[in-house]
Amino acid sequence: MKTNKAFFIATLAFAMLLNVFTFAQATASTSAQAGDEKAASASAASSEKLDINSATQEQLDALPGIGEAYSKKIIDGRPYASKRELLTKHIVPKATYAKIKDEITAHGGRSHSAKADKASTKNQ
């Protein structure tokens, strides 16, 4: 009878240990998948840069270091041929530009030569 009890307890302990191991492995697998999904989502979000030529004031406000005043200056200074014009036109300080440069782009802005062409056409 003692052997049966000992065998039963050992079997029960083994079964419980097996359940714990299986649960831990499943949890780790789920966590890894969730981490992969978060990384993929973050990667997709980071690859979509905000166009400073078409962004709304609210979208610009959401950028780090950009508040209501800077977002208004960005909008008032449009169009931009490149995002660096935020510095050359003295729209934002260097420290602020450093915070946002990887999150923004400037599409659809006229180039300097296009502005010059328009000005020369206007003078004729």
PDB file of N, CA and C in Angstrom:
ATOM      1  N   MET A   1       0.799  -1.188   0.000  1.00  0.00           N
ATOM      2  CA  MET A   1       0.000   0.000   0.000  1.00  0.00           C
ATOM      3  C   MET A   1       0.858   1.276   0.000  1.00  0.00           C
ATOM      4  N   LYS A   2       1.979   1.247   0.785  1.00  0.00           N
ATOM      5  CA  LYS A   2       2.863   2.402   0.831  1.00  0.00           C
ATOM      6  C   LYS A   2       3.480   2.659  -0.541  1.00  0.00           C
ATOM      7  N   THR A   3       3.808   1.608  -1.284  1.00  0.00           N
ATOM      8  CA  THR A   3       4.409   1.757  -2.602  1.00  0.00           C
ATOM      9  C   THR A   3       3.425   2.398  -3.561  1.00  0.00           C
ATOM     10  N   ASN A   4       2.161   1.995  -3.455  1.00  0.00           N
ATOM     11  CA  ASN A   4       1.154   2.589  -4.330  1.00  0.00           C
ATOM     12  C   ASN A   4       0.981   4.081  -4.045  1.00  0.00           C
ATOM     13  N   LYS A   5       0.987   4.462  -2.756  1.00  0.00           N
ATOM     14  CA  LYS A   5       0.866   5.867  -2.382  1.00  0.00           C
ATOM     15  C   LYS A   5       2.074   6.649  -2.887  1.00  0.00           C
ATOM     16  N   ALA A   6       3.247   6.112  -2.700  1.00  0.00           N
ATOM     17  CA  ALA A   6       4.472   6.777  -3.138  1.00  0.00           C
ATOM     18  C   ALA A   6       4.477   6.906  -4.665  1.00  0.00           C
ATOM     19  N   PHE A   7       4.061   5.839  -5.352  1.00  0.00           N
ATOM     20  CA  PHE A   7       3.999   5.875  -6.815  1.00  0.00           C
ATOM     21  C   PHE A   7       2.979   6.912  -7.271  1.00  0.00           C
ATOM     22  N   PHE A   8       1.829   6.940  -6.611  1.00  0.00           N
ATOM     23  CA  PHE A   8       0.781   7.896  -6.954  1.00  0.00           C
ATOM     24  C   PHE A   8       1.274   9.325  -6.731  1.00  0.00           C
ATOM     25  N   ILE A   9       1.920   9.608  -5.628  1.00  0.00           N
ATOM     26  CA  ILE A   9       2.426  10.947  -5.316  1.00  0.00           C
ATOM     27  C   ILE A   9       3.512  11.347  -6.319  1.00  0.00           C
ATOM     28  N   ALA A  10       4.393  10.415  -6.644  1.00  0.00           N
ATOM     29  CA  ALA A  10       5.454  10.700  -7.621  1.00  0.00           C
ATOM     30  C   ALA A  10       4.857  10.987  -8.987  1.00  0.00           C
ATOM     31  N   THR A  11       3.862  10.214  -9.384  1.00  0.00           N
ATOM     32  CA  THR A  11       3.212  10.415 -10.677  1.00  0.00           C
ATOM     33  C   THR A  11       2.500  11.761 -10.702  1.00  0.00           C
ATOM     34  N   LEU A  12       1.808  12.081  -9.637  1.00  0.00           N
ATOM     35  CA  LEU A  12       1.101  13.351  -9.541  1.00  0.00           C
ATOM     36  C   LEU A  12       2.092  14.523  -9.588  1.00  0.00           C
ATOM     37  N   ALA A  13       3.179  14.420  -8.871  1.00  0.00           N
ATOM     38  CA  ALA A  13       4.202  15.470  -8.871  1.00  0.00           C
ATOM     39  C   ALA A  13       4.798  15.640 -10.265  1.00  0.00           C
ATOM     40  N   PHE A  14       5.055  14.526 -10.954  1.00  0.00           N
ATOM     41  CA  PHE A  14       5.591  14.585 -12.312  1.00  0.00           C
ATOM     42  C   PHE A  14       4.598  15.258 -13.253  1.00  0.00           C
ATOM     43  N   ALA A  15       3.328  14.899 -13.131  1.00  0.00           N
ATOM     44  CA  ALA A  15       2.292  15.484 -13.990  1.00  0.00           C
ATOM     45  C   ALA A  15       2.187  16.991 -13.744  1.00  0.00           C
ATOM     46  N   MET A  16       2.254  17.410 -12.489  1.00  0.00           N
ATOM     47  CA  MET A  16       2.179  18.832 -12.169  1.00  0.00           C
ATOM     48  C   MET A  16       3.401  19.574 -12.707  1.00  0.00           C
ATOM     49  N   LEU A  17       4.556  18.961 -12.570  1.00  0.00           N
ATOM     50  CA  LEU A  17       5.782  19.568 -13.086  1.00  0.00           C
ATOM     51  C   LEU A  17       5.719  19.702 -14.605  1.00  0.00           C
ATOM     52  N   LEU A  18       5.193  18.685 -15.254  1.00  0.00           N
ATOM     53  CA  LEU A  18       5.041  18.706 -16.711  1.00  0.00           C
ATOM     54  C   LEU A  18       4.086  19.823 -17.123  1.00  0.00           C
ATOM     55  N   ASN A  19       3.001  20.017 -16.399  1.00  0.00           N
ATOM     56  CA  ASN A  19       2.053  21.094 -16.693  1.00  0.00           C
ATOM     57  C   ASN A  19       2.710  22.464 -16.534  1.00  0.00           C
ATOM     58  N   VAL A  20       3.470  22.631 -15.470  1.00  0.00           N
ATOM     59  CA  VAL A  20       4.149  23.907 -15.237  1.00  0.00           C
ATOM     60  C   VAL A  20       5.126  24.192 -16.371  1.00  0.00           C
ATOM     61  N   PHE A  21       5.907  23.202 -16.772  1.00  0.00           N
ATOM     62  CA  PHE A  21       6.861  23.378 -17.859  1.00  0.00           C
ATOM     63  C   PHE A  21       6.145  23.717 -19.162  1.00  0.00           C
ATOM     64  N   THR A  22       5.075  23.007 -19.475  1.00  0.00           N
ATOM     65  CA  THR A  22       4.319  23.251 -20.703  1.00  0.00           C
ATOM     66  C   THR A  22       3.721  24.653 -20.694  1.00  0.00           C
ATOM     67  N   PHE A  23       3.167  25.072 -19.556  1.00  0.00           N
ATOM     68  CA  PHE A  23       2.588  26.405 -19.436  1.00  0.00           C
ATOM     69  C   PHE A  23       3.660  27.474 -19.607  1.00  0.00           C
ATOM     70  N   ALA A  24       4.815  27.276 -18.986  1.00  0.00           N
ATOM     71  CA  ALA A  24       5.908  28.251 -19.096  1.00  0.00           C
ATOM     72  C   ALA A  24       6.386  28.361 -20.539  1.00  0.00           C
ATOM     73  N   GLN A  25       6.468  27.240 -21.222  1.00  0.00           N
ATOM     74  CA  GLN A  25       6.918  27.249 -22.612  1.00  0.00           C
ATOM     75  C   GLN A  25       5.889  27.956 -23.491  1.00  0.00           C
ATOM     76  N   ALA A  26       4.607  27.692 -23.272  1.00  0.00           N
ATOM     77  CA  ALA A  26       3.553  28.340 -24.049  1.00  0.00           C
ATOM     78  C   ALA A  26       3.541  29.842 -23.789  1.00  0.00           C
ATOM     79  N   THR A  27       3.738  30.246 -22.549  1.00  0.00           N
ATOM     80  CA  THR A  27       3.763  31.660 -22.194  1.00  0.00           C
ATOM     81  C   THR A  27       4.955  32.353 -22.850  1.00  0.00           C
ATOM     82  N   ALA A  28       6.105  31.699 -22.829  1.00  0.00           N
ATOM     83  CA  ALA A  28       7.295  32.279 -23.453  1.00  0.00           C
ATOM     84  C   ALA A  28       7.093  32.425 -24.958  1.00  0.00           C
ATOM     85  N   SER A  29       6.475  31.440 -25.571  1.00  0.00           N
ATOM     86  CA  SER A  29       6.215  31.493 -27.006  1.00  0.00           C
ATOM     87  C   SER A  29       5.256  32.628 -27.335  1.00  0.00           C
ATOM     88  N   THR A  30       4.210  32.780 -26.529  1.00  0.00           N
ATOM     89  CA  THR A  30       3.242  33.853 -26.735  1.00  0.00           C
ATOM     90  C   THR A  30       3.893  35.209 -26.530  1.00  0.00           C
ATOM     91  N   SER A  31       4.744  35.330 -25.522  1.00  0.00           N
ATOM     92  CA  SER A  31       5.439  36.588 -25.262  1.00  0.00           C
ATOM     93  C   SER A  31       6.364  36.939 -26.414  1.00  0.00           C
ATOM     94  N   ALA A  32       7.044  35.937 -26.949  1.00  0.00           N
ATOM     95  CA  ALA A  32       7.952  36.175 -28.080  1.00  0.00           C
ATOM     96  C   ALA A  32       7.164  36.639 -29.299  1.00  0.00           C
ATOM     97  N   GLN A  33       6.009  36.015 -29.535  1.00  0.00           N
ATOM     98  CA  GLN A  33       5.177  36.422 -30.670  1.00  0.00           C
ATOM     99  C   GLN A  33       4.667  37.840 -30.465  1.00  0.00           C
ATOM    100  N   ALA A  34       4.242  38.170 -29.248  1.00  0.00           N
ATOM    101  CA  ALA A  34       3.766  39.522 -28.957  1.00  0.00           C
ATOM    102  C   ALA A  34       4.896  40.524 -29.148  1.00  0.00           C
ATOM    103  N   GLY A  35       6.099  40.161 -28.725  1.00  0.00           N
ATOM    104  CA  GLY A  35       7.255  41.036 -28.913  1.00  0.00           C
ATOM    105  C   GLY A  35       7.557  41.255 -30.386  1.00  0.00           C
ATOM    106  N   ASP A  36       7.458  40.184 -31.188  1.00  0.00           N
ATOM    107  CA  ASP A  36       7.676  40.302 -32.622  1.00  0.00           C
ATOM    108  C   ASP A  36       6.638  41.214 -33.255  1.00  0.00           C
ATOM    109  N   GLU A  37       5.368  41.076 -32.832  1.00  0.00           N
ATOM    110  CA  GLU A  37       4.308  41.910 -33.377  1.00  0.00           C
ATOM    111  C   GLU A  37       4.521  43.372 -32.997  1.00  0.00           C
ATOM    112  N   LYS A  38       4.940  43.627 -31.761  1.00  0.00           N
ATOM    113  CA  LYS A  38       5.206  45.001 -31.330  1.00  0.00           C
ATOM    114  C   LYS A  38       6.367  45.590 -32.125  1.00  0.00           C
ATOM    115  N   ALA A  39       7.399  44.793 -32.333  1.00  0.00           N
ATOM    116  CA  ALA A  39       8.558  45.268 -33.089  1.00  0.00           C
ATOM    117  C   ALA A  39       8.167  45.575 -34.530  1.00  0.00           C
ATOM    118  N   ALA A  40       7.355  44.718 -35.127  1.00  0.00           N
ATOM    119  CA  ALA A  40       6.905  44.935 -36.501  1.00  0.00           C
ATOM    120  C   ALA A  40       6.042  46.188 -36.583  1.00  0.00           C
ATOM    121  N   SER A  41       5.188  46.373 -35.601  1.00  0.00           N
ATOM    122  CA  SER A  41       4.332  47.552 -35.564  1.00  0.00           C
ATOM    123  C   SER A  41       5.152  48.826 -35.398  1.00  0.00           C
ATOM    124  N   ALA A  42       6.135  48.782 -34.510  1.00  0.00           N
ATOM    125  CA  ALA A  42       7.002  49.935 -34.297  1.00  0.00           C
ATOM    126  C   ALA A  42       7.810  50.233 -35.550  1.00  0.00           C
ATOM    127  N   SER A  43       8.258  49.196 -36.221  1.00  0.00           N
ATOM    128  CA  SER A  43       9.027  49.373 -37.445  1.00  0.00           C
ATOM    129  C   SER A  43       8.167  50.014 -38.530  1.00  0.00           C
ATOM    130  N   ALA A  44       6.931  49.546 -38.658  1.00  0.00           N
ATOM    131  CA  ALA A  44       6.024  50.109 -39.654  1.00  0.00           C
ATOM    132  C   ALA A  44       5.718  51.563 -39.327  1.00  0.00           C
ATOM    133  N   ALA A  45       5.512  51.852 -38.053  1.00  0.00           N
ATOM    134  CA  ALA A  45       5.215  53.220 -37.648  1.00  0.00           C
ATOM    135  C   ALA A  45       6.406  54.129 -37.903  1.00  0.00           C
ATOM    136  N   SER A  46       7.612  53.650 -37.636  1.00  0.00           N
ATOM    137  CA  SER A  46       8.782  54.488 -37.824  1.00  0.00           C
ATOM    138  C   SER A  46       9.096  54.708 -39.292  1.00  0.00           C
ATOM    139  N   SER A  47       8.684  53.779 -40.159  1.00  0.00           N
ATOM    140  CA  SER A  47       8.972  53.960 -41.574  1.00  0.00           C
ATOM    141  C   SER A  47       8.034  54.979 -42.208  1.00  0.00           C
ATOM    142  N   GLU A  48       6.932  55.297 -41.548  1.00  0.00           N
ATOM    143  CA  GLU A  48       6.003  56.301 -42.043  1.00  0.00           C
ATOM    144  C   GLU A  48       6.354  57.637 -41.408  1.00  0.00           C
ATOM    145  N   LYS A  49       7.089  58.452 -42.147  1.00  0.00           N
ATOM    146  CA  LYS A  49       7.510  59.750 -41.620  1.00  0.00           C
ATOM    147  C   LYS A  49       6.420  60.781 -41.885  1.00  0.00           C
ATOM    148  N   LEU A  50       6.378  61.775 -41.031  1.00  0.00           N
ATOM    149  CA  LEU A  50       5.386  62.836 -41.134  1.00  0.00           C
ATOM    150  C   LEU A  50       5.869  63.879 -42.132  1.00  0.00           C
ATOM    151  N   ASP A  51       5.036  64.170 -43.134  1.00  0.00           N
ATOM    152  CA  ASP A  51       5.379  65.157 -44.155  1.00  0.00           C
ATOM    153  C   ASP A  51       5.076  66.549 -43.608  1.00  0.00           C
ATOM    154  N   ILE A  52       6.110  67.359 -43.432  1.00  0.00           N
ATOM    155  CA  ILE A  52       5.921  68.682 -42.846  1.00  0.00           C
ATOM    156  C   ILE A  52       5.192  69.633 -43.795  1.00  0.00           C
ATOM    157  N   ASN A  53       5.087  69.285 -45.066  1.00  0.00           N
ATOM    158  CA  ASN A  53       4.359  70.125 -46.018  1.00  0.00           C
ATOM    159  C   ASN A  53       2.855  69.888 -45.985  1.00  0.00           C
ATOM    160  N   SER A  54       2.417  68.758 -45.441  1.00  0.00           N
ATOM    161  CA  SER A  54       0.983  68.471 -45.442  1.00  0.00           C
ATOM    162  C   SER A  54       0.426  68.109 -44.068  1.00  0.00           C
ATOM    163  N   ALA A  55       1.258  68.035 -43.053  1.00  0.00           N
ATOM    164  CA  ALA A  55       0.804  67.647 -41.716  1.00  0.00           C
ATOM    165  C   ALA A  55      -0.104  68.708 -41.110  1.00  0.00           C
ATOM    166  N   THR A  56      -1.056  68.244 -40.315  1.00  0.00           N
ATOM    167  CA  THR A  56      -1.927  69.164 -39.591  1.00  0.00           C
ATOM    168  C   THR A  56      -1.188  69.710 -38.382  1.00  0.00           C
ATOM    169  N   GLN A  57      -1.731  70.758 -37.789  1.00  0.00           N
ATOM    170  CA  GLN A  57      -1.104  71.337 -36.605  1.00  0.00           C
ATOM    171  C   GLN A  57      -1.073  70.315 -35.476  1.00  0.00           C
ATOM    172  N   GLU A  58      -2.113  69.517 -35.340  1.00  0.00           N
ATOM    173  CA  GLU A  58      -2.163  68.504 -34.286  1.00  0.00           C
ATOM    174  C   GLU A  58      -1.082  67.446 -34.490  1.00  0.00           C
ATOM    175  N   GLN A  59      -0.862  67.040 -35.750  1.00  0.00           N
ATOM    176  CA  GLN A  59       0.184  66.053 -36.031  1.00  0.00           C
ATOM    177  C   GLN A  59       1.562  66.623 -35.700  1.00  0.00           C
ATOM    178  N   LEU A  60       1.775  67.877 -36.037  1.00  0.00           N
ATOM    179  CA  LEU A  60       3.060  68.517 -35.740  1.00  0.00           C
ATOM    180  C   LEU A  60       3.244  68.687 -34.237  1.00  0.00           C
ATOM    181  N   ASP A  61       2.171  69.053 -33.535  1.00  0.00           N
ATOM    182  CA  ASP A  61       2.232  69.206 -32.068  1.00  0.00           C
ATOM    183  C   ASP A  61       2.683  67.915 -31.396  1.00  0.00           C
ATOM    184  N   ALA A  62       2.347  66.783 -31.984  1.00  0.00           N
ATOM    185  CA  ALA A  62       2.671  65.486 -31.383  1.00  0.00           C
ATOM    186  C   ALA A  62       4.156  65.141 -31.486  1.00  0.00           C
ATOM    187  N   LEU A  63       4.891  65.838 -32.311  1.00  0.00           N
ATOM    188  CA  LEU A  63       6.329  65.579 -32.441  1.00  0.00           C
ATOM    189  C   LEU A  63       7.049  66.043 -31.176  1.00  0.00           C
ATOM    190  N   PRO A  64       8.127  65.343 -30.791  1.00  0.00           N
ATOM    191  CA  PRO A  64       8.855  65.746 -29.580  1.00  0.00           C
ATOM    192  C   PRO A  64       9.487  67.133 -29.723  1.00  0.00           C
ATOM    193  N   GLY A  65       9.223  67.989 -28.740  1.00  0.00           N
ATOM    194  CA  GLY A  65       9.804  69.326 -28.746  1.00  0.00           C
ATOM    195  C   GLY A  65       9.034  70.335 -29.569  1.00  0.00           C
ATOM    196  N   ILE A  66       7.992  69.891 -30.267  1.00  0.00           N
ATOM    197  CA  ILE A  66       7.188  70.801 -31.089  1.00  0.00           C
ATOM    198  C   ILE A  66       5.879  71.058 -30.351  1.00  0.00           C
ATOM    199  N   GLY A  67       5.617  72.291 -30.092  1.00  0.00           N
ATOM    200  CA  GLY A  67       4.366  72.665 -29.443  1.00  0.00           C
ATOM    201  C   GLY A  67       3.537  73.499 -30.395  1.00  0.00           C
ATOM    202  N   GLU A  68       2.596  74.208 -29.852  1.00  0.00           N
ATOM    203  CA  GLU A  68       1.689  75.012 -30.671  1.00  0.00           C
ATOM    204  C   GLU A  68       2.434  76.096 -31.451  1.00  0.00           C
ATOM    205  N   ALA A  69       3.383  76.752 -30.799  1.00  0.00           N
ATOM    206  CA  ALA A  69       4.109  77.845 -31.453  1.00  0.00           C
ATOM    207  C   ALA A  69       4.957  77.343 -32.631  1.00  0.00           C
ATOM    208  N   TYR A  70       5.727  76.274 -32.393  1.00  0.00           N
ATOM    209  CA  TYR A  70       6.569  75.755 -33.476  1.00  0.00           C
ATOM    210  C   TYR A  70       5.736  75.143 -34.592  1.00  0.00           C
ATOM    211  N   SER A  71       4.647  74.478 -34.260  1.00  0.00           N
ATOM    212  CA  SER A  71       3.828  73.892 -35.318  1.00  0.00           C
ATOM    213  C   SER A  71       3.232  74.992 -36.195  1.00  0.00           C
ATOM    214  N   LYS A  72       2.853  76.119 -35.588  1.00  0.00           N
ATOM    215  CA  LYS A  72       2.338  77.246 -36.371  1.00  0.00           C
ATOM    216  C   LYS A  72       3.437  77.812 -37.264  1.00  0.00           C
ATOM    217  N   LYS A  73       4.664  77.939 -36.724  1.00  0.00           N
ATOM    218  CA  LYS A  73       5.779  78.441 -37.534  1.00  0.00           C
ATOM    219  C   LYS A  73       6.074  77.506 -38.703  1.00  0.00           C
ATOM    220  N   ILE A  74       5.996  76.191 -38.456  1.00  0.00           N
ATOM    221  CA  ILE A  74       6.242  75.212 -39.525  1.00  0.00           C
ATOM    222  C   ILE A  74       5.198  75.379 -40.619  1.00  0.00           C
ATOM    223  N   ILE A  75       3.949  75.507 -40.233  1.00  0.00           N
ATOM    224  CA  ILE A  75       2.868  75.662 -41.214  1.00  0.00           C
ATOM    225  C   ILE A  75       3.013  76.973 -41.975  1.00  0.00           C
ATOM    226  N   ASP A  76       3.326  78.050 -41.272  1.00  0.00           N
ATOM    227  CA  ASP A  76       3.478  79.361 -41.917  1.00  0.00           C
ATOM    228  C   ASP A  76       4.668  79.412 -42.872  1.00  0.00           C
ATOM    229  N   GLY A  77       5.680  78.581 -42.650  1.00  0.00           N
ATOM    230  CA  GLY A  77       6.876  78.593 -43.485  1.00  0.00           C
ATOM    231  C   GLY A  77       6.811  77.679 -44.706  1.00  0.00           C
ATOM    232  N   ARG A  78       5.689  77.032 -44.920  1.00  0.00           N
ATOM    233  CA  ARG A  78       5.557  76.103 -46.045  1.00  0.00           C
ATOM    234  C   ARG A  78       5.608  76.834 -47.367  1.00  0.00           C
ATOM    235  N   PRO A  79       6.015  76.180 -48.446  1.00  0.00           N
ATOM    236  CA  PRO A  79       6.456  74.788 -48.575  1.00  0.00           C
ATOM    237  C   PRO A  79       7.949  74.653 -48.306  1.00  0.00           C
ATOM    238  N   TYR A  80       8.353  73.432 -47.981  1.00  0.00           N
ATOM    239  CA  TYR A  80       9.754  73.110 -47.728  1.00  0.00           C
ATOM    240  C   TYR A  80      10.235  72.144 -48.804  1.00  0.00           C
ATOM    241  N   ALA A  81      11.382  72.456 -49.404  1.00  0.00           N
ATOM    242  CA  ALA A  81      11.978  71.551 -50.386  1.00  0.00           C
ATOM    243  C   ALA A  81      12.687  70.398 -49.682  1.00  0.00           C
ATOM    244  N   SER A  82      13.173  70.659 -48.468  1.00  0.00           N
ATOM    245  CA  SER A  82      13.793  69.602 -47.669  1.00  0.00           C
ATOM    246  C   SER A  82      13.515  69.894 -46.202  1.00  0.00           C
ATOM    247  N   LYS A  83      13.603  68.868 -45.397  1.00  0.00           N
ATOM    248  CA  LYS A  83      13.334  69.054 -43.972  1.00  0.00           C
ATOM    249  C   LYS A  83      14.387  69.932 -43.303  1.00  0.00           C
ATOM    250  N   ARG A  84      15.583  70.001 -43.879  1.00  0.00           N
ATOM    251  CA  ARG A  84      16.644  70.851 -43.316  1.00  0.00           C
ATOM    252  C   ARG A  84      16.290  72.329 -43.359  1.00  0.00           C
ATOM    253  N   GLU A  85      15.321  72.677 -44.190  1.00  0.00           N
ATOM    254  CA  GLU A  85      14.906  74.077 -44.251  1.00  0.00           C
ATOM    255  C   GLU A  85      14.290  74.551 -42.940  1.00  0.00           C
ATOM    256  N   LEU A  86      13.900  73.617 -42.079  1.00  0.00           N
ATOM    257  CA  LEU A  86      13.432  74.019 -40.752  1.00  0.00           C
ATOM    258  C   LEU A  86      14.556  74.724 -40.005  1.00  0.00           C
ATOM    259  N   LEU A  87      15.794  74.345 -40.308  1.00  0.00           N
ATOM    260  CA  LEU A  87      16.957  75.008 -39.704  1.00  0.00           C
ATOM    261  C   LEU A  87      17.359  76.255 -40.490  1.00  0.00           C
ATOM    262  N   THR A  88      17.464  76.116 -41.797  1.00  0.00           N
ATOM    263  CA  THR A  88      17.955  77.248 -42.598  1.00  0.00           C
ATOM    264  C   THR A  88      16.993  78.428 -42.601  1.00  0.00           C
ATOM    265  N   LYS A  89      15.709  78.160 -42.445  1.00  0.00           N
ATOM    266  CA  LYS A  89      14.717  79.239 -42.357  1.00  0.00           C
ATOM    267  C   LYS A  89      14.489  79.675 -40.908  1.00  0.00           C
ATOM    268  N   HIS A  90      15.258  79.093 -39.979  1.00  0.00           N
ATOM    269  CA  HIS A  90      15.167  79.416 -38.550  1.00  0.00           C
ATOM    270  C   HIS A  90      13.757  79.190 -37.998  1.00  0.00           C
ATOM    271  N   ILE A  91      13.149  78.074 -38.407  1.00  0.00           N
ATOM    272  CA  ILE A  91      11.814  77.723 -37.925  1.00  0.00           C
ATOM    273  C   ILE A  91      11.901  77.074 -36.545  1.00  0.00           C
ATOM    274  N   VAL A  92      12.845  76.145 -36.379  1.00  0.00           N
ATOM    275  CA  VAL A  92      13.047  75.468 -35.092  1.00  0.00           C
ATOM    276  C   VAL A  92      14.542  75.503 -34.749  1.00  0.00           C
ATOM    277  N   PRO A  93      14.879  75.460 -33.460  1.00  0.00           N
ATOM    278  CA  PRO A  93      16.295  75.417 -33.069  1.00  0.00           C
ATOM    279  C   PRO A  93      16.930  74.054 -33.373  1.00  0.00           C
ATOM    280  N   LYS A  94      18.252  74.023 -33.397  1.00  0.00           N
ATOM    281  CA  LYS A  94      18.987  72.794 -33.717  1.00  0.00           C
ATOM    282  C   LYS A  94      18.617  71.646 -32.786  1.00  0.00           C
ATOM    283  N   ALA A  95      18.463  71.914 -31.505  1.00  0.00           N
ATOM    284  CA  ALA A  95      18.150  70.857 -30.540  1.00  0.00           C
ATOM    285  C   ALA A  95      16.789  70.226 -30.841  1.00  0.00           C
ATOM    286  N   THR A  96      15.833  71.042 -31.211  1.00  0.00           N
ATOM    287  CA  THR A  96      14.503  70.528 -31.548  1.00  0.00           C
ATOM    288  C   THR A  96      14.565  69.741 -32.854  1.00  0.00           C
ATOM    289  N   TYR A  97      15.288  70.271 -33.836  1.00  0.00           N
ATOM    290  CA  TYR A  97      15.436  69.573 -35.110  1.00  0.00           C
ATOM    291  C   TYR A  97      16.070  68.198 -34.902  1.00  0.00           C
ATOM    292  N   ALA A  98      17.051  68.134 -34.021  1.00  0.00           N
ATOM    293  CA  ALA A  98      17.708  66.847 -33.746  1.00  0.00           C
ATOM    294  C   ALA A  98      16.717  65.820 -33.206  1.00  0.00           C
ATOM    295  N   LYS A  99      15.731  66.268 -32.451  1.00  0.00           N
ATOM    296  CA  LYS A  99      14.731  65.360 -31.890  1.00  0.00           C
ATOM    297  C   LYS A  99      13.761  64.835 -32.949  1.00  0.00           C
ATOM    298  N   ILE A 100      13.477  65.629 -33.984  1.00  0.00           N
ATOM    299  CA  ILE A 100      12.418  65.261 -34.934  1.00  0.00           C
ATOM    300  C   ILE A 100      12.906  64.838 -36.314  1.00  0.00           C
ATOM    301  N   LYS A 101      14.186  65.044 -36.605  1.00  0.00           N
ATOM    302  CA  LYS A 101      14.675  64.836 -37.982  1.00  0.00           C
ATOM    303  C   LYS A 101      14.436  63.429 -38.522  1.00  0.00           C
ATOM    304  N   ASP A 102      14.442  62.422 -37.650  1.00  0.00           N
ATOM    305  CA  ASP A 102      14.225  61.053 -38.114  1.00  0.00           C
ATOM    306  C   ASP A 102      12.742  60.707 -38.241  1.00  0.00           C
ATOM    307  N   GLU A 103      11.879  61.605 -37.806  1.00  0.00           N
ATOM    308  CA  GLU A 103      10.437  61.354 -37.839  1.00  0.00           C
ATOM    309  C   GLU A 103       9.711  62.149 -38.910  1.00  0.00           C
ATOM    310  N   ILE A 104      10.434  63.016 -39.623  1.00  0.00           N
ATOM    311  CA  ILE A 104       9.777  63.894 -40.598  1.00  0.00           C
ATOM    312  C   ILE A 104      10.384  63.764 -41.980  1.00  0.00           C
ATOM    313  N   THR A 105       9.652  64.251 -42.957  1.00  0.00           N
ATOM    314  CA  THR A 105      10.123  64.345 -44.332  1.00  0.00           C
ATOM    315  C   THR A 105       9.477  65.572 -44.956  1.00  0.00           C
ATOM    316  N   ALA A 106       9.955  65.970 -46.124  1.00  0.00           N
ATOM    317  CA  ALA A 106       9.370  67.114 -46.837  1.00  0.00           C
ATOM    318  C   ALA A 106       9.115  66.702 -48.276  1.00  0.00           C
ATOM    319  N   HIS A 107       7.896  66.268 -48.545  1.00  0.00           N
ATOM    320  CA  HIS A 107       7.498  65.911 -49.907  1.00  0.00           C
ATOM    321  C   HIS A 107       6.613  67.014 -50.467  1.00  0.00           C
ATOM    322  N   GLY A 108       6.668  67.182 -51.752  1.00  0.00           N
ATOM    323  CA  GLY A 108       5.749  68.110 -52.399  1.00  0.00           C
ATOM    324  C   GLY A 108       6.150  69.561 -52.316  1.00  0.00           C
ATOM    325  N   GLY A 109       7.272  69.854 -51.679  1.00  0.00           N
ATOM    326  CA  GLY A 109       7.733  71.237 -51.612  1.00  0.00           C
ATOM    327  C   GLY A 109       8.434  71.608 -52.894  1.00  0.00           C
ATOM    328  N   ARG A 110       8.391  72.885 -53.236  1.00  0.00           N
ATOM    329  CA  ARG A 110       9.080  73.326 -54.450  1.00  0.00           C
ATOM    330  C   ARG A 110      10.564  73.437 -54.181  1.00  0.00           C
ATOM    331  N   SER A 111      11.358  73.139 -55.160  1.00  0.00           N
ATOM    332  CA  SER A 111      12.806  73.283 -55.014  1.00  0.00           C
ATOM    333  C   SER A 111      13.184  74.752 -55.160  1.00  0.00           C
ATOM    334  N   HIS A 112      14.406  75.061 -54.816  1.00  0.00           N
ATOM    335  CA  HIS A 112      14.876  76.440 -54.936  1.00  0.00           C
ATOM    336  C   HIS A 112      14.835  76.904 -56.382  1.00  0.00           C
ATOM    337  N   SER A 113      15.159  76.024 -57.321  1.00  0.00           N
ATOM    338  CA  SER A 113      15.156  76.411 -58.731  1.00  0.00           C
ATOM    339  C   SER A 113      13.740  76.663 -59.218  1.00  0.00           C
ATOM    340  N   ALA A 114      12.773  75.942 -58.703  1.00  0.00           N
ATOM    341  CA  ALA A 114      11.378  76.168 -59.082  1.00  0.00           C
ATOM    342  C   ALA A 114      10.925  77.539 -58.597  1.00  0.00           C
ATOM    343  N   LYS A 115      11.369  77.926 -57.397  1.00  0.00           N
ATOM    344  CA  LYS A 115      11.038  79.253 -56.886  1.00  0.00           C
ATOM    345  C   LYS A 115      11.691  80.327 -57.755  1.00  0.00           C
ATOM    346  N   ALA A 116      12.950  80.089 -58.134  1.00  0.00           N
ATOM    347  CA  ALA A 116      13.670  81.050 -58.975  1.00  0.00           C
ATOM    348  C   ALA A 116      13.002  81.164 -60.339  1.00  0.00           C
ATOM    349  N   ASP A 117      12.568  80.040 -60.903  1.00  0.00           N
ATOM    350  CA  ASP A 117      11.878  80.054 -62.187  1.00  0.00           C
ATOM    351  C   ASP A 117      10.598  80.861 -62.096  1.00  0.00           C
ATOM    352  N   LYS A 118       9.859  80.675 -61.021  1.00  0.00           N
ATOM    353  CA  LYS A 118       8.605  81.401 -60.836  1.00  0.00           C
ATOM    354  C   LYS A 118       8.875  82.895 -60.699  1.00  0.00           C
ATOM    355  N   ALA A 119       9.926  83.225 -59.955  1.00  0.00           N
ATOM    356  CA  ALA A 119      10.266  84.643 -59.763  1.00  0.00           C
ATOM    357  C   ALA A 119      10.695  85.286 -61.072  1.00  0.00           C
ATOM    358  N   SER A 120      11.479  84.552 -61.874  1.00  0.00           N
ATOM    359  CA  SER A 120      11.938  85.127 -63.154  1.00  0.00           C
ATOM    360  C   SER A 120      10.792  85.258 -64.115  1.00  0.00           C
ATOM    361  N   THR A 121       9.824  84.355 -64.082  1.00  0.00           N
ATOM    362  CA  THR A 121       8.651  84.431 -64.952  1.00  0.00           C
ATOM    363  C   THR A 121       7.787  85.608 -64.543  1.00  0.00           C
ATOM    364  N   LYS A 122       7.706  85.856 -63.246  1.00  0.00           N
ATOM    365  CA  LYS A 122       6.897  86.946 -62.707  1.00  0.00           C
ATOM    366  C   LYS A 122       7.471  88.300 -63.145  1.00  0.00           C
ATOM    367  N   ASN A 123       8.801  88.407 -63.204  1.00  0.00           N
ATOM    368  CA  ASN A 123       9.446  89.671 -63.541  1.00  0.00           C
ATOM    369  C   ASN A 123       9.374  89.991 -65.028  1.00  0.00           C
ATOM    370  N   GLN A 124       9.028  89.050 -65.848  1.00  0.00           N
ATOM    371  CA  GLN A 124       9.022  89.294 -67.310  1.00  0.00           C
ATOM    372  C   GLN A 124       7.763  89.908 -67.787  1.00  0.00           C
TER     373      GLN A 124
END
